[in-house]
C-alpha atoms as a PDB file:
ATOM      1  CA  MET A   1     -15.525-232.253 272.803  1.00  0.00           C
ATOM      2  CA  LEU A   2     -15.136-233.356 269.194  1.00  0.00           C
ATOM      3  CA  VAL A   3     -18.273-234.980 267.772  1.00  0.00           C
ATOM      4  CA  LEU A   4     -18.778-237.011 264.614  1.00  0.00           C
ATOM      5  CA  GLY A   5     -22.323-236.545 263.272  1.00  0.00           C
ATOM      6  CA  ILE A   6     -23.615-239.060 260.724  1.00  0.00           C
ATOM      7  CA  ASP A   7     -26.586-238.982 258.374  1.00  0.00           C
ATOM      8  CA  PRO A   8     -26.696-242.602 257.132  1.00  0.00           C
ATOM      9  CA  GLY A   9     -27.372-243.587 253.547  1.00  0.00           C
ATOM     10  CA  THR A  10     -26.552-246.360 251.106  1.00  0.00           C
ATOM     11  CA  ARG A  11     -25.969-244.057 248.131  1.00  0.00           C
ATOM     12  CA  ILE A  12     -24.760-240.916 249.889  1.00  0.00           C
ATOM     13  CA  ALA A  13     -23.981-240.671 253.607  1.00  0.00           C
ATOM     14  CA  GLY A  14     -23.279-237.355 255.281  1.00  0.00           C
ATOM     15  CA  TYR A  15     -20.678-236.792 257.970  1.00  0.00           C
ATOM     16  CA  ALA A  16     -19.626-233.840 260.094  1.00  0.00           C
ATOM     17  CA  ILE A  17     -16.928-233.210 262.647  1.00  0.00           C
ATOM     18  CA  VAL A  18     -18.028-230.496 265.082  1.00  0.00           C
ATOM     19  CA  GLU A  19     -16.146-229.130 268.061  1.00  0.00           C
ATOM     20  CA  SER A  20     -18.028-227.854 271.096  1.00  0.00           C
ATOM     21  CA  ASP A  21     -16.678-226.179 274.197  1.00  0.00           C
ATOM     22  CA  GLY A  22     -20.074-226.450 275.882  1.00  0.00           C
ATOM     23  CA  PHE A  23     -21.336-223.193 274.393  1.00  0.00           C
ATOM     24  CA  ALA A  24     -19.839-222.410 270.991  1.00  0.00           C
ATOM     25  CA  LEU A  25     -19.850-224.768 268.019  1.00  0.00           C
ATOM     26  CA  ARG A  26     -17.176-224.953 265.347  1.00  0.00           C
ATOM     27  CA  ARG A  27     -17.348-226.946 262.128  1.00  0.00           C
ATOM     28  CA  VAL A  28     -14.048-228.789 261.738  1.00  0.00           C
ATOM     29  CA  ALA A  29     -14.896-230.843 258.642  1.00  0.00           C
ATOM     30  CA  SER A  30     -17.930-232.162 256.818  1.00  0.00           C
ATOM     31  CA  GLY A  31     -18.891-233.811 253.581  1.00  0.00           C
ATOM     32  CA  VAL A  32     -20.313-236.990 252.158  1.00  0.00           C
ATOM     33  CA  ILE A  33     -19.307-240.556 251.508  1.00  0.00           C
ATOM     34  CA  LYS A  34     -20.481-241.188 247.947  1.00  0.00           C
ATOM     35  CA  LEU A  35     -21.233-244.756 246.979  1.00  0.00           C
ATOM     36  CA  ASN A  36     -21.653-246.307 243.573  1.00  0.00           C
ATOM     37  CA  PRO A  37     -25.325-247.339 243.219  1.00  0.00           C
ATOM     38  CA  ARG A  38     -24.302-249.863 240.545  1.00  0.00           C
ATOM     39  CA  GLU A  39     -22.187-251.816 243.026  1.00  0.00           C
ATOM     40  CA  GLU A  40     -23.554-254.760 244.945  1.00  0.00           C
ATOM     41  CA  MET A  41     -24.903-253.891 248.373  1.00  0.00           C
ATOM     42  CA  SER A  42     -22.063-255.752 250.086  1.00  0.00           C
ATOM     43  CA  ALA A  43     -19.481-253.551 248.323  1.00  0.00           C
ATOM     44  CA  ARG A  44     -21.366-250.386 249.273  1.00  0.00           C
ATOM     45  CA  LEU A  45     -21.605-251.489 252.904  1.00  0.00           C
ATOM     46  CA  ALA A  46     -17.859-252.181 252.921  1.00  0.00           C
ATOM     47  CA  SER A  47     -17.269-248.685 251.520  1.00  0.00           C
ATOM     48  CA  LEU A  48     -19.409-247.157 254.271  1.00  0.00           C
ATOM     49  CA  TYR A  49     -17.487-249.095 256.908  1.00  0.00           C
ATOM     50  CA  THR A  50     -14.077-248.056 255.588  1.00  0.00           C
ATOM     51  CA  GLY A  51     -15.282-244.489 254.982  1.00  0.00           C
ATOM     52  CA  VAL A  52     -16.274-244.110 258.635  1.00  0.00           C
ATOM     53  CA  GLN A  53     -13.012-245.706 259.753  1.00  0.00           C
ATOM     54  CA  ASP A  54     -11.097-243.209 257.610  1.00  0.00           C
ATOM     55  CA  ILE A  55     -12.960-240.259 259.149  1.00  0.00           C
ATOM     56  CA  LEU A  56     -12.303-241.630 262.645  1.00  0.00           C
ATOM     57  CA  GLY A  57      -8.618-242.010 261.845  1.00  0.00           C
ATOM     58  CA  ARG A  58      -8.265-238.480 260.457  1.00  0.00           C
ATOM     59  CA  HIS A  59     -10.170-236.646 263.195  1.00  0.00           C
ATOM     60  CA  SER A  60     -10.233-238.833 266.348  1.00  0.00           C
ATOM     61  CA  PRO A  61     -13.629-237.640 267.626  1.00  0.00           C
ATOM     62  CA  SER A  62     -14.446-238.279 271.264  1.00  0.00           C
ATOM     63  CA  GLU A  63     -18.105-239.140 270.567  1.00  0.00           C
ATOM     64  CA  ALA A  64     -20.401-239.961 267.684  1.00  0.00           C
ATOM     65  CA  ALA A  65     -24.050-239.211 266.951  1.00  0.00           C
ATOM     66  CA  VAL A  66     -26.082-241.050 264.328  1.00  0.00           C
ATOM     67  CA  GLU A  67     -29.544-240.329 263.010  1.00  0.00           C
ATOM     68  CA  LYS A  68     -32.006-243.160 263.585  1.00  0.00           C
ATOM     69  CA  VAL A  69     -33.845-244.755 260.679  1.00  0.00           C
ATOM     70  CA  PHE A  70     -37.065-243.002 259.807  1.00  0.00           C
ATOM     71  CA  PHE A  71     -39.608-245.728 259.145  1.00  0.00           C
ATOM     72  CA  GLY A  72     -42.001-244.601 256.463  1.00  0.00           C
ATOM     73  CA  HIS A  73     -44.259-246.483 254.127  1.00  0.00           C
ATOM     74  CA  ASN A  74     -41.498-248.063 252.051  1.00  0.00           C
ATOM     75  CA  VAL A  75     -40.277-251.056 254.048  1.00  0.00           C
ATOM     76  CA  LYS A  76     -37.611-251.980 251.475  1.00  0.00           C
ATOM     77  CA  SER A  77     -36.036-248.505 251.711  1.00  0.00           C
ATOM     78  CA  ALA A  78     -36.061-248.649 255.511  1.00  0.00           C
ATOM     79  CA  LEU A  79     -34.362-252.055 255.483  1.00  0.00           C
ATOM     80  CA  THR A  80     -31.718-250.874 253.013  1.00  0.00           C
ATOM     81  CA  LEU A  81     -31.020-247.785 255.097  1.00  0.00           C
ATOM     82  CA  GLY A  82     -30.825-250.003 258.170  1.00  0.00           C
ATOM     83  CA  GLN A  83     -28.081-252.029 256.502  1.00  0.00           C
ATOM     84  CA  GLY A  84     -26.109-248.845 255.866  1.00  0.00           C
ATOM     85  CA  ARG A  85     -26.560-247.707 259.454  1.00  0.00           C
ATOM     86  CA  GLY A  86     -25.388-251.132 260.592  1.00  0.00           C
ATOM     87  CA  ALA A  87     -22.143-250.862 258.625  1.00  0.00           C
ATOM     88  CA  MET A  88     -21.518-247.398 260.011  1.00  0.00           C
ATOM     89  CA  LEU A  89     -22.376-248.433 263.573  1.00  0.00           C
ATOM     90  CA  ALA A  90     -20.024-251.417 263.261  1.00  0.00           C
ATOM     91  CA  ALA A  91     -17.174-249.080 262.299  1.00  0.00           C
ATOM     92  CA  LEU A  92     -18.039-246.807 265.233  1.00  0.00           C
ATOM     93  CA  GLY A  93     -18.294-249.773 267.596  1.00  0.00           C
ATOM     94  CA  GLY A  94     -14.770-250.824 266.705  1.00  0.00           C
ATOM     95  CA  SER A  95     -13.500-247.369 267.663  1.00  0.00           C
ATOM     96  CA  GLU A  96     -14.737-247.720 271.251  1.00  0.00           C
ATOM     97  CA  ILE A  97     -16.082-244.147 271.403  1.00  0.00           C
ATOM     98  CA  PRO A  98     -19.560-243.528 272.814  1.00  0.00           C
ATOM     99  CA  VAL A  99     -22.274-243.571 270.143  1.00  0.00           C
ATOM    100  CA  PHE A 100     -25.591-241.765 270.561  1.00  0.00           C
ATOM    101  CA  GLU A 101     -28.641-242.073 268.333  1.00  0.00           C
ATOM    102  CA  TYR A 102     -31.281-239.434 267.650  1.00  0.00           C
ATOM    103  CA  ALA A 103     -34.623-239.575 265.893  1.00  0.00           C
ATOM    104  CA  PRO A 104     -35.084-237.171 262.958  1.00  0.00           C
ATOM    105  CA  ALA A 105     -37.627-235.133 264.939  1.00  0.00           C
ATOM    106  CA  GLN A 106     -35.130-234.725 267.815  1.00  0.00           C
ATOM    107  CA  VAL A 107     -32.509-233.422 265.391  1.00  0.00           C
ATOM    108  CA  LYS A 108     -34.941-230.970 263.791  1.00  0.00           C
ATOM    109  CA  GLN A 109     -36.109-229.787 267.214  1.00  0.00           C
ATOM    110  CA  ALA A 110     -32.541-229.183 268.392  1.00  0.00           C
ATOM    111  CA  VAL A 111     -31.592-227.167 265.302  1.00  0.00           C
ATOM    112  CA  THR A 112     -34.760-225.259 264.427  1.00  0.00           C
ATOM    113  CA  GLY A 113     -36.941-225.452 267.530  1.00  0.00           C
ATOM    114  CA  ARG A 114     -39.554-227.474 265.600  1.00  0.00           C
ATOM    115  CA  GLY A 115     -39.581-231.260 265.305  1.00  0.00           C
ATOM    116  CA  SER A 116     -41.561-230.990 262.082  1.00  0.00           C
ATOM    117  CA  ALA A 117     -39.170-228.602 260.307  1.00  0.00           C
ATOM    118  CA  THR A 118     -38.407-229.137 256.619  1.00  0.00           C
ATOM    119  CA  LYS A 119     -34.984-230.098 255.278  1.00  0.00           C
ATOM    120  CA  GLU A 120     -34.682-226.581 253.898  1.00  0.00           C
ATOM    121  CA  GLN A 121     -35.341-225.031 257.319  1.00  0.00           C
ATOM    122  CA  VAL A 122     -32.748-227.313 258.903  1.00  0.00           C
ATOM    123  CA  ALA A 123     -30.192-226.411 256.217  1.00  0.00           C
ATOM    124  CA  LYS A 124     -30.837-222.696 256.726  1.00  0.00           C
ATOM    125  CA  MET A 125     -30.317-222.930 260.500  1.00  0.00           C
ATOM    126  CA  VAL A 126     -27.158-224.999 260.006  1.00  0.00           C
ATOM    127  CA  THR A 127     -25.829-222.191 257.793  1.00  0.00           C
ATOM    128  CA  VAL A 128     -26.677-219.620 260.462  1.00  0.00           C
ATOM    129  CA  LEU A 129     -25.152-221.667 263.297  1.00  0.00           C
ATOM    130  CA  PHE A 130     -21.891-222.134 261.394  1.00  0.00           C
ATOM    131  CA  GLY A 131     -21.431-218.502 260.461  1.00  0.00           C
ATOM    132  CA  GLY A 132     -22.573-218.694 256.861  1.00  0.00           C
ATOM    133  CA  TYR A 133     -21.064-222.055 255.930  1.00  0.00           C
ATOM    134  CA  THR A 134     -23.427-223.668 253.434  1.00  0.00           C
ATOM    135  CA  ALA A 135     -23.345-227.436 253.132  1.00  0.00           C
ATOM    136  CA  GLU A 136     -22.952-228.718 249.579  1.00  0.00           C
ATOM    137  CA  THR A 137     -25.605-231.421 249.928  1.00  0.00           C
ATOM    138  CA  PRO A 138     -28.641-232.112 252.124  1.00  0.00           C
ATOM    139  CA  ASP A 139     -26.801-235.170 253.496  1.00  0.00           C
ATOM    140  CA  GLU A 140     -23.906-233.012 254.707  1.00  0.00           C
ATOM    141  CA  SER A 141     -26.337-230.499 256.202  1.00  0.00           C
ATOM    142  CA  ASP A 142     -28.210-233.287 257.985  1.00  0.00           C
ATOM    143  CA  ALA A 143     -24.947-234.679 259.423  1.00  0.00           C
ATOM    144  CA  LEU A 144     -24.072-231.225 260.738  1.00  0.00           C
ATOM    145  CA  ALA A 145     -27.546-231.050 262.292  1.00  0.00           C
ATOM    146  CA  VAL A 146     -27.057-234.442 263.985  1.00  0.00           C
ATOM    147  CA  ALA A 147     -23.780-233.218 265.490  1.00  0.00           C
ATOM    148  CA  ILE A 148     -25.453-229.981 266.649  1.00  0.00           C
ATOM    149  CA  CYS A 149     -28.258-232.005 268.235  1.00  0.00           C
ATOM    150  CA  HIS A 150     -25.774-234.085 270.195  1.00  0.00           C
ATOM    151  CA  CYS A 151     -23.724-231.082 271.319  1.00  0.00           C
ATOM    152  CA  ASN A 152     -26.867-229.268 272.476  1.00  0.00           C
ATOM    153  CA  ARG A 153     -28.210-232.319 274.270  1.00  0.00           C
ATOM    154  CA  SER A 154     -24.867-232.934 275.972  1.00  0.00           C
ATOM    155  CA  ARG A 155     -24.728-229.326 277.153  1.00  0.00           C
ATOM    156  CA  THR A 156     -28.308-229.111 278.423  1.00  0.00           C
ATOM    157  CA  THR A 157     -28.647-232.557 280.001  1.00  0.00           C
ATOM    158  CA  GLY A 158     -25.106-233.146 281.158  1.00  0.00           C
ATOM    159  CA  ILE A 159     -25.208-236.691 279.756  1.00  0.00           C
ATOM    160  CA  LEU A 160     -21.445-236.666 279.327  1.00  0.00           C
END
């Protein structure tokens, strides 16, 4: 199974392509889609959409996993992030692959064993799980964690 993991964002969005045979995980590719914060939101959303389409075209994943929006105290930030997720979900929807969504606490739980883990703890476990590969940004690390979460959930629950 080849999984696309996505950590949404409207300035930087992380992505990861992870292969799972049901037991072992292998990082195929990962990185970020960097957006120009000076551009209008519509241009950034278009860049997210085409960025996801490009990743889908290069890697042909069989499934995708996306982190859900964390709703904090800043409603404007949550709405902006929701727009970015929408653009990415639209690109995924056009690909006709199954898309799964996970809450941040689910992702942290799957990677570290604690739903309240810090970003640093998640990044450290991602490095361990991928044999020393260190993500260049927290967004990339989070995308890898989302993919790990989906692979683990698929293996343990047999949802696929």
